[in-house]
Each structure stands twice: as structure tokens, then as C-alpha cells.
N, C-alpha and C. Protein backbone atom coordinates (compact mmCIF):
# COMPACT_ATOMS: atom_id res chain seq x y z
N MET A 1 46.08 -3.01 9.27
CA MET A 1 45.57 -4.35 9.59
C MET A 1 45.37 -5.12 8.29
N THR A 2 45.85 -6.33 8.21
CA THR A 2 45.69 -7.15 7.02
C THR A 2 44.31 -7.75 7.00
N ALA A 3 43.95 -8.33 5.83
CA ALA A 3 42.64 -8.97 5.69
C ALA A 3 42.51 -10.10 6.68
N ALA A 4 43.65 -10.81 6.90
CA ALA A 4 43.58 -11.94 7.81
C ALA A 4 43.38 -11.48 9.24
N GLU A 5 43.86 -10.25 9.56
CA GLU A 5 43.77 -9.75 10.92
C GLU A 5 42.46 -9.01 11.18
N SER A 6 41.74 -8.62 10.09
CA SER A 6 40.53 -7.83 10.28
C SER A 6 39.45 -8.65 10.97
N PRO A 7 38.64 -8.02 11.84
CA PRO A 7 37.61 -8.76 12.55
C PRO A 7 36.54 -9.26 11.59
N ARG A 8 36.09 -10.46 11.83
CA ARG A 8 35.05 -11.04 10.97
C ARG A 8 33.70 -10.78 11.61
N ARG A 9 32.72 -10.38 10.79
CA ARG A 9 31.39 -10.18 11.32
C ARG A 9 30.60 -11.48 11.25
N ARG A 10 29.65 -11.61 12.14
CA ARG A 10 28.84 -12.82 12.16
C ARG A 10 27.94 -12.88 10.94
N PRO A 11 27.69 -14.09 10.39
CA PRO A 11 26.82 -14.22 9.22
C PRO A 11 25.45 -13.63 9.51
N GLY A 12 24.91 -12.95 8.49
CA GLY A 12 23.56 -12.43 8.60
C GLY A 12 23.44 -11.08 9.26
N ARG A 13 24.53 -10.54 9.80
CA ARG A 13 24.47 -9.23 10.42
C ARG A 13 24.92 -8.16 9.43
N PRO A 14 24.41 -6.94 9.55
CA PRO A 14 24.82 -5.89 8.62
C PRO A 14 26.28 -5.54 8.77
N SER A 15 26.92 -5.23 7.64
CA SER A 15 28.28 -4.73 7.70
C SER A 15 28.22 -3.26 8.08
N ARG A 16 29.39 -2.63 8.16
CA ARG A 16 29.40 -1.22 8.53
C ARG A 16 28.68 -0.38 7.49
N THR A 17 28.73 -0.82 6.22
CA THR A 17 28.06 -0.07 5.18
C THR A 17 26.58 -0.41 5.11
N ASP A 18 26.14 -1.47 5.82
CA ASP A 18 24.74 -1.86 5.85
C ASP A 18 24.19 -1.70 7.26
N SER A 19 24.46 -0.57 7.87
CA SER A 19 24.01 -0.32 9.23
C SER A 19 22.50 -0.23 9.30
N PRO A 20 21.89 -0.77 10.36
CA PRO A 20 20.44 -0.63 10.51
C PRO A 20 20.00 0.82 10.58
N ASP A 21 20.91 1.74 10.92
CA ASP A 21 20.55 3.14 11.00
C ASP A 21 20.55 3.82 9.64
N GLY A 22 21.08 3.16 8.62
CA GLY A 22 21.14 3.76 7.29
C GLY A 22 19.96 3.32 6.43
N PRO A 23 19.27 4.26 5.78
CA PRO A 23 18.07 3.91 5.02
C PRO A 23 18.34 3.25 3.68
N SER A 24 19.55 3.35 3.14
CA SER A 24 19.78 2.89 1.78
C SER A 24 19.54 1.39 1.60
N THR A 25 20.06 0.59 2.49
CA THR A 25 19.90 -0.86 2.36
C THR A 25 18.44 -1.25 2.53
N ARG A 26 17.79 -0.70 3.52
CA ARG A 26 16.38 -1.02 3.77
C ARG A 26 15.51 -0.65 2.57
N GLU A 27 15.72 0.53 2.02
CA GLU A 27 14.94 0.95 0.85
C GLU A 27 15.24 0.09 -0.36
N ARG A 28 16.49 -0.32 -0.51
CA ARG A 28 16.86 -1.19 -1.62
C ARG A 28 16.13 -2.53 -1.51
N ILE A 29 16.04 -3.05 -0.30
CA ILE A 29 15.33 -4.32 -0.09
C ILE A 29 13.85 -4.16 -0.37
N LEU A 30 13.24 -3.07 0.09
CA LEU A 30 11.82 -2.85 -0.15
C LEU A 30 11.51 -2.71 -1.64
N THR A 31 12.36 -1.98 -2.35
CA THR A 31 12.19 -1.83 -3.79
C THR A 31 12.29 -3.18 -4.49
N ALA A 32 13.29 -3.96 -4.09
CA ALA A 32 13.46 -5.29 -4.67
C ALA A 32 12.28 -6.19 -4.33
N ALA A 33 11.75 -6.06 -3.13
CA ALA A 33 10.61 -6.89 -2.72
C ALA A 33 9.38 -6.56 -3.55
N ARG A 34 9.11 -5.30 -3.77
CA ARG A 34 7.95 -4.92 -4.59
C ARG A 34 8.08 -5.49 -6.00
N THR A 35 9.27 -5.41 -6.56
CA THR A 35 9.49 -5.94 -7.91
C THR A 35 9.33 -7.46 -7.93
N GLU A 36 9.89 -8.11 -6.94
CA GLU A 36 9.80 -9.57 -6.86
C GLU A 36 8.36 -10.04 -6.72
N PHE A 37 7.60 -9.41 -5.84
CA PHE A 37 6.21 -9.78 -5.65
C PHE A 37 5.38 -9.48 -6.90
N ALA A 38 5.67 -8.35 -7.56
CA ALA A 38 4.91 -7.98 -8.75
C ALA A 38 5.17 -8.94 -9.90
N GLU A 39 6.43 -9.34 -10.09
CA GLU A 39 6.79 -10.18 -11.24
C GLU A 39 6.52 -11.66 -11.01
N ARG A 40 6.72 -12.13 -9.78
CA ARG A 40 6.61 -13.56 -9.51
C ARG A 40 5.37 -13.96 -8.70
N GLY A 41 4.67 -12.96 -8.16
CA GLY A 41 3.53 -13.26 -7.31
C GLY A 41 4.00 -13.64 -5.91
N TYR A 42 3.07 -13.63 -4.97
CA TYR A 42 3.45 -13.90 -3.59
C TYR A 42 3.99 -15.32 -3.41
N ASP A 43 3.33 -16.30 -4.03
CA ASP A 43 3.73 -17.70 -3.83
C ASP A 43 5.15 -17.96 -4.29
N LYS A 44 5.51 -17.44 -5.46
CA LYS A 44 6.82 -17.77 -6.04
C LYS A 44 7.92 -16.82 -5.61
N ALA A 45 7.55 -15.68 -5.05
CA ALA A 45 8.57 -14.76 -4.55
C ALA A 45 9.29 -15.41 -3.37
N SER A 46 10.56 -15.11 -3.23
CA SER A 46 11.34 -15.71 -2.15
C SER A 46 12.29 -14.69 -1.54
N ILE A 47 12.68 -14.96 -0.31
CA ILE A 47 13.67 -14.10 0.35
C ILE A 47 14.96 -14.09 -0.45
N ARG A 48 15.34 -15.26 -0.95
CA ARG A 48 16.58 -15.34 -1.74
C ARG A 48 16.49 -14.48 -3.00
N GLY A 49 15.31 -14.53 -3.67
CA GLY A 49 15.13 -13.72 -4.88
C GLY A 49 15.16 -12.23 -4.58
N ILE A 50 14.52 -11.84 -3.47
CA ILE A 50 14.53 -10.43 -3.05
C ILE A 50 15.95 -9.99 -2.75
N ALA A 51 16.68 -10.83 -2.03
CA ALA A 51 18.06 -10.49 -1.68
C ALA A 51 18.93 -10.34 -2.93
N LYS A 52 18.71 -11.22 -3.90
CA LYS A 52 19.50 -11.15 -5.13
C LYS A 52 19.25 -9.84 -5.86
N ARG A 53 17.98 -9.43 -5.94
CA ARG A 53 17.65 -8.17 -6.61
C ARG A 53 18.26 -6.97 -5.86
N ALA A 54 18.25 -7.06 -4.54
CA ALA A 54 18.76 -5.95 -3.73
C ALA A 54 20.28 -6.00 -3.58
N GLU A 55 20.88 -7.09 -4.06
CA GLU A 55 22.33 -7.29 -3.96
C GLU A 55 22.80 -7.28 -2.50
N VAL A 56 22.06 -8.05 -1.69
CA VAL A 56 22.44 -8.22 -0.28
C VAL A 56 22.35 -9.70 0.05
N ASP A 57 22.88 -10.07 1.19
CA ASP A 57 22.78 -11.45 1.67
C ASP A 57 21.35 -11.71 2.14
N PRO A 58 20.79 -12.90 1.85
CA PRO A 58 19.43 -13.20 2.31
C PRO A 58 19.24 -13.00 3.81
N ALA A 59 20.29 -13.27 4.59
CA ALA A 59 20.17 -13.09 6.04
C ALA A 59 19.92 -11.63 6.40
N LEU A 60 20.35 -10.71 5.53
CA LEU A 60 20.14 -9.30 5.80
C LEU A 60 18.67 -8.92 5.62
N VAL A 61 18.00 -9.59 4.68
CA VAL A 61 16.56 -9.37 4.52
C VAL A 61 15.83 -9.80 5.79
N HIS A 62 16.21 -10.97 6.31
CA HIS A 62 15.63 -11.44 7.57
C HIS A 62 15.92 -10.48 8.71
N HIS A 63 17.12 -9.94 8.72
CA HIS A 63 17.53 -9.04 9.79
C HIS A 63 16.63 -7.80 9.83
N TYR A 64 16.33 -7.24 8.67
CA TYR A 64 15.52 -6.03 8.61
C TYR A 64 14.03 -6.31 8.77
N PHE A 65 13.54 -7.41 8.16
CA PHE A 65 12.09 -7.58 8.03
C PHE A 65 11.53 -8.90 8.56
N GLY A 66 12.34 -9.90 8.78
CA GLY A 66 11.82 -11.17 9.23
C GLY A 66 11.42 -12.07 8.07
N PRO A 67 10.42 -12.96 8.25
CA PRO A 67 10.02 -13.90 7.20
C PRO A 67 9.29 -13.21 6.05
N LYS A 68 8.96 -13.98 5.02
CA LYS A 68 8.39 -13.41 3.80
C LYS A 68 7.10 -12.64 4.06
N GLU A 69 6.24 -13.14 4.96
CA GLU A 69 4.99 -12.44 5.26
C GLU A 69 5.25 -11.03 5.76
N GLN A 70 6.27 -10.88 6.59
CA GLN A 70 6.58 -9.56 7.13
C GLN A 70 7.26 -8.67 6.09
N VAL A 71 8.01 -9.29 5.19
CA VAL A 71 8.61 -8.52 4.09
C VAL A 71 7.49 -7.95 3.22
N PHE A 72 6.49 -8.79 2.91
CA PHE A 72 5.38 -8.33 2.08
C PHE A 72 4.61 -7.21 2.78
N GLU A 73 4.33 -7.39 4.07
CA GLU A 73 3.59 -6.36 4.80
C GLU A 73 4.36 -5.05 4.83
N SER A 74 5.67 -5.12 5.02
CA SER A 74 6.48 -3.90 5.03
C SER A 74 6.49 -3.23 3.66
N ALA A 75 6.60 -4.04 2.61
CA ALA A 75 6.58 -3.50 1.25
C ALA A 75 5.23 -2.87 0.94
N LEU A 76 4.16 -3.52 1.40
CA LEU A 76 2.82 -3.01 1.17
C LEU A 76 2.60 -1.70 1.91
N GLU A 77 2.97 -1.65 3.18
CA GLU A 77 2.78 -0.42 3.95
C GLU A 77 3.61 0.72 3.39
N ASP A 78 4.82 0.40 2.94
CA ASP A 78 5.68 1.42 2.34
C ASP A 78 5.05 1.95 1.06
N ALA A 79 4.54 1.04 0.22
CA ALA A 79 3.95 1.46 -1.05
C ALA A 79 2.64 2.20 -0.85
N ALA A 80 1.87 1.78 0.16
CA ALA A 80 0.54 2.35 0.38
C ALA A 80 0.55 3.56 1.31
N GLN A 81 1.72 3.99 1.73
CA GLN A 81 1.80 5.05 2.73
C GLN A 81 0.99 6.29 2.36
N PRO A 82 1.04 6.77 1.10
CA PRO A 82 0.22 7.95 0.77
C PRO A 82 -1.27 7.70 0.98
N ALA A 83 -1.75 6.51 0.60
CA ALA A 83 -3.18 6.20 0.75
C ALA A 83 -3.59 6.05 2.20
N LEU A 84 -2.64 5.77 3.08
CA LEU A 84 -2.97 5.61 4.49
C LEU A 84 -3.29 6.94 5.16
N SER A 85 -3.15 8.03 4.41
CA SER A 85 -3.51 9.35 4.94
C SER A 85 -4.99 9.64 4.78
N ILE A 86 -5.77 8.67 4.30
CA ILE A 86 -7.21 8.88 4.08
C ILE A 86 -7.90 9.47 5.30
N PRO A 87 -7.74 8.90 6.50
CA PRO A 87 -8.44 9.48 7.65
C PRO A 87 -8.09 10.94 7.90
N ASP A 88 -6.82 11.28 7.72
CA ASP A 88 -6.40 12.67 7.93
C ASP A 88 -7.03 13.60 6.90
N VAL A 89 -7.11 13.13 5.65
CA VAL A 89 -7.72 13.93 4.58
C VAL A 89 -9.20 14.13 4.88
N MET A 90 -9.87 13.06 5.30
CA MET A 90 -11.30 13.13 5.55
C MET A 90 -11.63 14.11 6.67
N LEU A 91 -10.75 14.19 7.67
CA LEU A 91 -11.01 15.02 8.84
C LEU A 91 -10.39 16.40 8.73
N SER A 92 -9.85 16.73 7.56
CA SER A 92 -9.15 18.01 7.41
C SER A 92 -10.11 19.18 7.17
N GLY A 93 -11.41 18.94 7.10
CA GLY A 93 -12.40 19.98 6.88
C GLY A 93 -13.77 19.49 7.28
N PRO A 94 -14.82 20.25 6.93
CA PRO A 94 -16.18 19.84 7.27
C PRO A 94 -16.52 18.47 6.67
N LEU A 95 -17.29 17.70 7.42
CA LEU A 95 -17.63 16.35 6.96
C LEU A 95 -18.48 16.38 5.70
N ASP A 96 -19.23 17.47 5.49
CA ASP A 96 -20.07 17.52 4.29
C ASP A 96 -19.26 17.71 3.01
N GLY A 97 -17.96 17.92 3.12
CA GLY A 97 -17.10 17.99 1.94
C GLY A 97 -16.12 16.84 1.87
N ALA A 98 -16.28 15.87 2.77
CA ALA A 98 -15.32 14.77 2.85
C ALA A 98 -15.32 13.89 1.61
N GLY A 99 -16.48 13.71 0.98
CA GLY A 99 -16.56 12.85 -0.19
C GLY A 99 -15.69 13.34 -1.32
N GLU A 100 -15.75 14.63 -1.61
CA GLU A 100 -14.92 15.18 -2.69
C GLU A 100 -13.45 15.18 -2.29
N ARG A 101 -13.15 15.55 -1.05
CA ARG A 101 -11.75 15.55 -0.61
C ARG A 101 -11.14 14.16 -0.74
N LEU A 102 -11.89 13.17 -0.29
CA LEU A 102 -11.39 11.79 -0.32
C LEU A 102 -11.22 11.30 -1.75
N THR A 103 -12.20 11.57 -2.60
CA THR A 103 -12.14 11.13 -4.00
C THR A 103 -10.98 11.81 -4.73
N ARG A 104 -10.85 13.10 -4.54
CA ARG A 104 -9.77 13.84 -5.21
C ARG A 104 -8.40 13.37 -4.72
N PHE A 105 -8.30 13.12 -3.41
CA PHE A 105 -7.04 12.66 -2.85
C PHE A 105 -6.64 11.31 -3.43
N MET A 106 -7.59 10.37 -3.50
CA MET A 106 -7.27 9.04 -4.00
C MET A 106 -6.87 9.06 -5.46
N PHE A 107 -7.53 9.88 -6.27
CA PHE A 107 -7.11 9.98 -7.67
C PHE A 107 -5.73 10.64 -7.77
N GLY A 108 -5.43 11.53 -6.84
CA GLY A 108 -4.09 12.11 -6.83
C GLY A 108 -3.02 11.06 -6.60
N VAL A 109 -3.31 10.11 -5.71
CA VAL A 109 -2.38 9.01 -5.45
C VAL A 109 -2.22 8.13 -6.69
N TRP A 110 -3.34 7.78 -7.31
CA TRP A 110 -3.30 6.85 -8.45
C TRP A 110 -2.77 7.48 -9.72
N GLU A 111 -3.03 8.77 -9.92
CA GLU A 111 -2.59 9.43 -11.15
C GLU A 111 -1.10 9.73 -11.15
N ASN A 112 -0.49 9.75 -9.98
CA ASN A 112 0.94 10.02 -9.87
C ASN A 112 1.71 8.71 -10.00
N ALA A 113 2.50 8.56 -11.06
CA ALA A 113 3.23 7.31 -11.29
C ALA A 113 4.15 6.96 -10.14
N PHE A 114 4.69 7.98 -9.47
CA PHE A 114 5.62 7.74 -8.36
C PHE A 114 4.94 7.01 -7.21
N THR A 115 3.67 7.33 -6.95
CA THR A 115 2.93 6.65 -5.88
C THR A 115 2.11 5.48 -6.40
N ARG A 116 1.74 5.50 -7.68
CA ARG A 116 0.90 4.44 -8.23
C ARG A 116 1.66 3.13 -8.45
N GLU A 117 2.82 3.18 -9.06
CA GLU A 117 3.51 1.95 -9.47
C GLU A 117 3.86 1.03 -8.30
N PRO A 118 4.44 1.54 -7.20
CA PRO A 118 4.71 0.65 -6.07
C PRO A 118 3.44 0.02 -5.50
N LEU A 119 2.35 0.80 -5.47
CA LEU A 119 1.09 0.29 -4.94
C LEU A 119 0.52 -0.80 -5.85
N LEU A 120 0.58 -0.58 -7.15
CA LEU A 120 0.12 -1.59 -8.10
C LEU A 120 0.89 -2.89 -7.94
N ALA A 121 2.18 -2.78 -7.71
CA ALA A 121 3.03 -3.97 -7.61
C ALA A 121 2.56 -4.91 -6.51
N VAL A 122 2.29 -4.36 -5.35
CA VAL A 122 1.90 -5.23 -4.24
C VAL A 122 0.43 -5.62 -4.30
N ILE A 123 -0.43 -4.76 -4.85
CA ILE A 123 -1.85 -5.12 -4.96
C ILE A 123 -2.04 -6.28 -5.92
N ARG A 124 -1.28 -6.31 -7.01
CA ARG A 124 -1.38 -7.44 -7.94
C ARG A 124 -1.07 -8.75 -7.23
N SER A 125 -0.10 -8.73 -6.35
CA SER A 125 0.24 -9.94 -5.61
C SER A 125 -0.87 -10.30 -4.64
N ALA A 126 -1.47 -9.30 -3.99
CA ALA A 126 -2.55 -9.55 -3.03
C ALA A 126 -3.79 -10.12 -3.72
N MET A 127 -3.97 -9.81 -5.00
CA MET A 127 -5.14 -10.31 -5.73
C MET A 127 -5.04 -11.80 -6.01
N ASN A 128 -3.84 -12.36 -5.97
CA ASN A 128 -3.65 -13.75 -6.40
C ASN A 128 -3.24 -14.69 -5.29
N ASN A 129 -3.21 -14.23 -4.05
CA ASN A 129 -2.78 -15.09 -2.96
C ASN A 129 -3.52 -14.73 -1.69
N GLU A 130 -4.08 -15.73 -1.01
CA GLU A 130 -4.90 -15.46 0.16
C GLU A 130 -4.07 -14.90 1.32
N THR A 131 -2.85 -15.38 1.49
CA THR A 131 -2.02 -14.85 2.56
C THR A 131 -1.73 -13.37 2.33
N ALA A 132 -1.37 -13.03 1.09
CA ALA A 132 -1.11 -11.64 0.76
C ALA A 132 -2.37 -10.80 0.88
N ALA A 133 -3.52 -11.38 0.47
CA ALA A 133 -4.79 -10.66 0.58
C ALA A 133 -5.15 -10.41 2.03
N ALA A 134 -4.89 -11.39 2.90
CA ALA A 134 -5.18 -11.22 4.33
C ALA A 134 -4.34 -10.11 4.93
N ILE A 135 -3.07 -10.02 4.51
CA ILE A 135 -2.20 -8.95 4.99
C ILE A 135 -2.72 -7.60 4.52
N PHE A 136 -3.17 -7.54 3.27
CA PHE A 136 -3.72 -6.31 2.70
C PHE A 136 -4.98 -5.89 3.45
N ARG A 137 -5.88 -6.85 3.70
CA ARG A 137 -7.11 -6.55 4.44
C ARG A 137 -6.79 -6.01 5.84
N ARG A 138 -5.87 -6.67 6.51
CA ARG A 138 -5.52 -6.27 7.87
C ARG A 138 -4.97 -4.84 7.89
N MET A 139 -4.16 -4.50 6.89
CA MET A 139 -3.60 -3.16 6.84
C MET A 139 -4.68 -2.12 6.60
N VAL A 140 -5.62 -2.41 5.66
CA VAL A 140 -6.69 -1.47 5.35
C VAL A 140 -7.60 -1.27 6.55
N VAL A 141 -7.96 -2.37 7.22
CA VAL A 141 -8.84 -2.26 8.38
C VAL A 141 -8.17 -1.48 9.49
N ARG A 142 -6.91 -1.80 9.78
CA ARG A 142 -6.21 -1.19 10.91
C ARG A 142 -5.92 0.29 10.67
N ASN A 143 -5.48 0.63 9.46
CA ASN A 143 -4.99 1.98 9.20
C ASN A 143 -6.03 2.92 8.63
N VAL A 144 -7.10 2.38 8.04
CA VAL A 144 -8.09 3.23 7.39
C VAL A 144 -9.46 3.09 8.04
N LEU A 145 -10.07 1.92 7.91
CA LEU A 145 -11.47 1.76 8.32
C LEU A 145 -11.68 1.98 9.80
N LYS A 146 -10.79 1.46 10.64
CA LYS A 146 -10.96 1.61 12.08
C LYS A 146 -10.77 3.06 12.53
N ARG A 147 -10.14 3.86 11.70
CA ARG A 147 -9.95 5.28 12.03
C ARG A 147 -11.05 6.15 11.44
N VAL A 148 -11.61 5.72 10.30
CA VAL A 148 -12.64 6.51 9.64
C VAL A 148 -14.01 6.30 10.29
N ALA A 149 -14.40 5.05 10.51
CA ALA A 149 -15.75 4.73 10.97
C ALA A 149 -16.18 5.50 12.22
N PRO A 150 -15.33 5.62 13.25
CA PRO A 150 -15.79 6.32 14.45
C PRO A 150 -16.13 7.79 14.23
N GLN A 151 -15.68 8.36 13.11
CA GLN A 151 -15.94 9.78 12.84
C GLN A 151 -17.25 10.00 12.09
N LEU A 152 -17.92 8.93 11.69
CA LEU A 152 -19.12 9.06 10.87
C LEU A 152 -20.38 9.09 11.74
N PRO A 153 -21.33 9.96 11.39
CA PRO A 153 -22.59 10.00 12.13
C PRO A 153 -23.52 8.88 11.67
N GLY A 154 -24.47 8.53 12.51
CA GLY A 154 -25.50 7.58 12.12
C GLY A 154 -25.10 6.13 12.29
N PRO A 155 -26.03 5.21 11.98
CA PRO A 155 -25.80 3.78 12.19
C PRO A 155 -24.94 3.16 11.08
N ASN A 156 -24.47 1.94 11.33
CA ASN A 156 -23.72 1.16 10.34
C ASN A 156 -22.51 1.92 9.79
N ALA A 157 -21.84 2.63 10.67
CA ALA A 157 -20.73 3.48 10.23
C ALA A 157 -19.61 2.66 9.59
N GLU A 158 -19.31 1.50 10.16
CA GLU A 158 -18.22 0.69 9.62
C GLU A 158 -18.54 0.20 8.21
N LEU A 159 -19.78 -0.25 8.00
CA LEU A 159 -20.20 -0.70 6.67
C LEU A 159 -20.12 0.45 5.67
N ARG A 160 -20.59 1.62 6.08
CA ARG A 160 -20.59 2.76 5.17
C ARG A 160 -19.16 3.21 4.84
N ALA A 161 -18.26 3.13 5.82
CA ALA A 161 -16.86 3.46 5.55
C ALA A 161 -16.28 2.49 4.54
N GLU A 162 -16.61 1.20 4.69
CA GLU A 162 -16.12 0.20 3.74
C GLU A 162 -16.67 0.44 2.34
N LEU A 163 -17.95 0.82 2.25
CA LEU A 163 -18.55 1.09 0.94
C LEU A 163 -17.91 2.29 0.27
N ALA A 164 -17.60 3.32 1.06
CA ALA A 164 -16.95 4.51 0.49
C ALA A 164 -15.57 4.15 -0.07
N VAL A 165 -14.79 3.39 0.70
CA VAL A 165 -13.47 2.97 0.24
C VAL A 165 -13.58 2.03 -0.95
N ALA A 166 -14.56 1.10 -0.89
CA ALA A 166 -14.75 0.14 -1.98
C ALA A 166 -15.08 0.85 -3.29
N GLN A 167 -15.85 1.93 -3.20
CA GLN A 167 -16.21 2.69 -4.40
C GLN A 167 -14.95 3.20 -5.10
N LEU A 168 -14.00 3.69 -4.32
CA LEU A 168 -12.78 4.25 -4.89
C LEU A 168 -11.77 3.18 -5.29
N VAL A 169 -11.62 2.15 -4.44
CA VAL A 169 -10.68 1.07 -4.76
C VAL A 169 -11.17 0.29 -5.99
N GLY A 170 -12.48 0.03 -6.06
CA GLY A 170 -13.02 -0.68 -7.22
C GLY A 170 -12.80 0.08 -8.51
N THR A 171 -13.02 1.38 -8.46
CA THR A 171 -12.78 2.22 -9.64
C THR A 171 -11.30 2.19 -10.02
N ALA A 172 -10.43 2.27 -9.03
CA ALA A 172 -8.99 2.24 -9.30
C ALA A 172 -8.58 0.91 -9.94
N MET A 173 -9.14 -0.19 -9.46
CA MET A 173 -8.81 -1.51 -10.02
C MET A 173 -9.19 -1.56 -11.49
N LEU A 174 -10.40 -1.10 -11.80
CA LEU A 174 -10.87 -1.15 -13.19
C LEU A 174 -10.08 -0.20 -14.09
N ARG A 175 -9.71 0.96 -13.55
CA ARG A 175 -9.03 1.97 -14.37
C ARG A 175 -7.55 1.68 -14.55
N TYR A 176 -6.86 1.30 -13.48
CA TYR A 176 -5.40 1.23 -13.51
C TYR A 176 -4.84 -0.19 -13.63
N ILE A 177 -5.60 -1.19 -13.22
CA ILE A 177 -5.09 -2.56 -13.29
C ILE A 177 -5.73 -3.33 -14.44
N ILE A 178 -7.08 -3.38 -14.45
CA ILE A 178 -7.77 -4.10 -15.52
C ILE A 178 -7.86 -3.25 -16.79
N LYS A 179 -7.88 -1.94 -16.62
CA LYS A 179 -7.87 -0.96 -17.72
C LYS A 179 -9.08 -1.13 -18.65
N VAL A 180 -10.25 -1.11 -18.05
CA VAL A 180 -11.50 -1.19 -18.79
C VAL A 180 -11.81 0.17 -19.41
N GLU A 181 -12.11 0.17 -20.71
CA GLU A 181 -12.48 1.40 -21.39
C GLU A 181 -14.01 1.54 -21.42
N PRO A 182 -14.53 2.76 -21.38
CA PRO A 182 -13.81 4.05 -21.45
C PRO A 182 -13.30 4.56 -20.09
N LEU A 183 -13.51 3.78 -19.03
CA LEU A 183 -13.08 4.24 -17.71
C LEU A 183 -11.58 4.51 -17.65
N ALA A 184 -10.79 3.66 -18.31
CA ALA A 184 -9.33 3.77 -18.21
C ALA A 184 -8.80 5.08 -18.79
N SER A 185 -9.49 5.64 -19.76
CA SER A 185 -9.01 6.87 -20.38
C SER A 185 -9.93 8.06 -20.10
N ALA A 186 -10.88 7.90 -19.22
CA ALA A 186 -11.81 9.00 -18.90
C ALA A 186 -11.07 10.13 -18.20
N ASP A 187 -11.60 11.33 -18.35
CA ASP A 187 -11.02 12.50 -17.70
C ASP A 187 -11.18 12.37 -16.18
N VAL A 188 -10.10 12.65 -15.47
CA VAL A 188 -10.11 12.48 -14.01
C VAL A 188 -11.15 13.39 -13.35
N GLU A 189 -11.28 14.61 -13.83
CA GLU A 189 -12.23 15.54 -13.22
C GLU A 189 -13.66 15.04 -13.39
N GLU A 190 -13.96 14.41 -14.51
CA GLU A 190 -15.30 13.86 -14.69
C GLU A 190 -15.56 12.72 -13.71
N LEU A 191 -14.55 11.88 -13.51
CA LEU A 191 -14.69 10.77 -12.57
C LEU A 191 -14.88 11.29 -11.15
N ILE A 192 -14.14 12.31 -10.78
CA ILE A 192 -14.29 12.90 -9.45
C ILE A 192 -15.70 13.47 -9.28
N ARG A 193 -16.17 14.17 -10.32
CA ARG A 193 -17.50 14.77 -10.26
C ARG A 193 -18.60 13.72 -10.07
N ARG A 194 -18.43 12.57 -10.71
CA ARG A 194 -19.45 11.52 -10.62
C ARG A 194 -19.34 10.69 -9.35
N LEU A 195 -18.13 10.47 -8.89
CA LEU A 195 -17.91 9.57 -7.75
C LEU A 195 -18.04 10.27 -6.40
N ALA A 196 -17.64 11.53 -6.32
CA ALA A 196 -17.62 12.22 -5.03
C ALA A 196 -18.99 12.21 -4.33
N PRO A 197 -20.11 12.48 -5.04
CA PRO A 197 -21.41 12.44 -4.35
C PRO A 197 -21.75 11.05 -3.81
N VAL A 198 -21.34 9.99 -4.52
CA VAL A 198 -21.61 8.63 -4.06
C VAL A 198 -20.82 8.34 -2.79
N VAL A 199 -19.54 8.72 -2.80
CA VAL A 199 -18.70 8.54 -1.61
C VAL A 199 -19.27 9.34 -0.45
N GLN A 200 -19.71 10.58 -0.74
CA GLN A 200 -20.28 11.42 0.31
C GLN A 200 -21.53 10.79 0.90
N HIS A 201 -22.36 10.20 0.06
CA HIS A 201 -23.58 9.53 0.53
C HIS A 201 -23.26 8.42 1.52
N HIS A 202 -22.27 7.61 1.20
CA HIS A 202 -21.89 6.53 2.11
C HIS A 202 -21.38 7.09 3.45
N LEU A 203 -20.64 8.19 3.38
CA LEU A 203 -20.04 8.73 4.60
C LEU A 203 -21.04 9.41 5.52
N THR A 204 -22.00 10.12 4.94
CA THR A 204 -22.84 11.00 5.79
C THR A 204 -24.34 10.85 5.62
N ASP A 205 -24.81 9.99 4.73
CA ASP A 205 -26.25 9.92 4.46
C ASP A 205 -26.75 8.49 4.60
N PRO A 206 -26.79 7.95 5.82
CA PRO A 206 -27.27 6.58 6.00
C PRO A 206 -28.75 6.47 5.66
N PRO A 207 -29.17 5.32 5.08
CA PRO A 207 -30.58 5.17 4.74
C PRO A 207 -31.44 5.14 5.99
N ALA A 208 -32.70 5.59 5.86
CA ALA A 208 -33.62 5.62 7.00
C ALA A 208 -34.02 4.21 7.39
């Protein structure tokens, strides 16, 4: 069959090499999206820019993910996937050891460059744009807080779950993004030793 005789595909649809069933194109777009959001911020990032980085047609980005808000949410969920296991980690043993398990798990995510860098990329964008921040909040509430709070004893469980997560996220922001010393270069085991009891208090020791 000649080029002139070959069937033409409709604009914006995946080619045979860009099948929706194949992960390569989707992952390429997500990687490009994280880079675009990290370098340009949410406001200046564009579908066209993401497509250019991924070396695909902009219509293909829409095909997989929809508008920019949904691209960001998909990139965020993909990057944050390890951290979304918080509820499972917390419930993997006795509740009286949940503080240390949770603290150790979160530092494991942040200390590993493979899981840290994609997460940093999208969090930086969420810090500077309300739309991106709202997407981040919605993901944290839906995937973490709403699953953790019902497992906690005592009153104000949702507030205490938020305080436990805030303790770890705040520390991560100062250590890995703002890089405040001596926190940025402190030994991880010392940080776990100091933070785990505080996280445990929020989870299981509500004030009288």
C-alpha cells in the first residue's frame, strides 16, 4: 500500500504506536508534565508545552488526560503514589506503633531520589497556584485523611490526622524544598526519633 493509499487517522487520536493500551506514551506525557509544571509553574505550563516535551501531538495529551487541571492531577497522583500508601502503613500493625511506622515510611519516600524528585516537582507548582493547591488538597483529603481519621480513637480524629500529616509534610518542606539548616542535613534517624512520638501523640493521645 502506498502512502497515498494508507488510511488516515483522525486528528488527535493515537496512532498504532500510541495505543491507549500502551504505557509508554502515557508515562512520557506524565514525565513531561511534571517537568513542565516544575520549571514553568502551574500558570505558565501549557498543554502545548507538555506535548512538545513528550514529543506528541497536543491532542494526544487531551486524549489521555483532558484539560490542564486533569493533567496536573494525574501527574500529582502519579508522583505521590508512594505517599498515598499512608493509611495502609498506619494500619499494618498495632496503633500504638503507628507514629514511628508513619514517620519512617514518609522519610523513606523523601530520602529516595526516585520517589522524591517527581513529588517535589508537582508540590512546587502547588505552592504557587491556588488551582494547583486545591487539586493537591483534594487529593490529600480523599486519599489520606478520609481514610486515616476513621481509624483513630477519641474525639477530633480528623483534626488529629491532619496534625500528624502536617508534622511530617512541614518537616519535609523545610528539609527538602526550603533546605533550612541544620534540619536539611540532620541525620534521618535522629529526625525519626524526635518526630515519631509527636506524630503518635496526634494519632492516639487526644487532649482531655
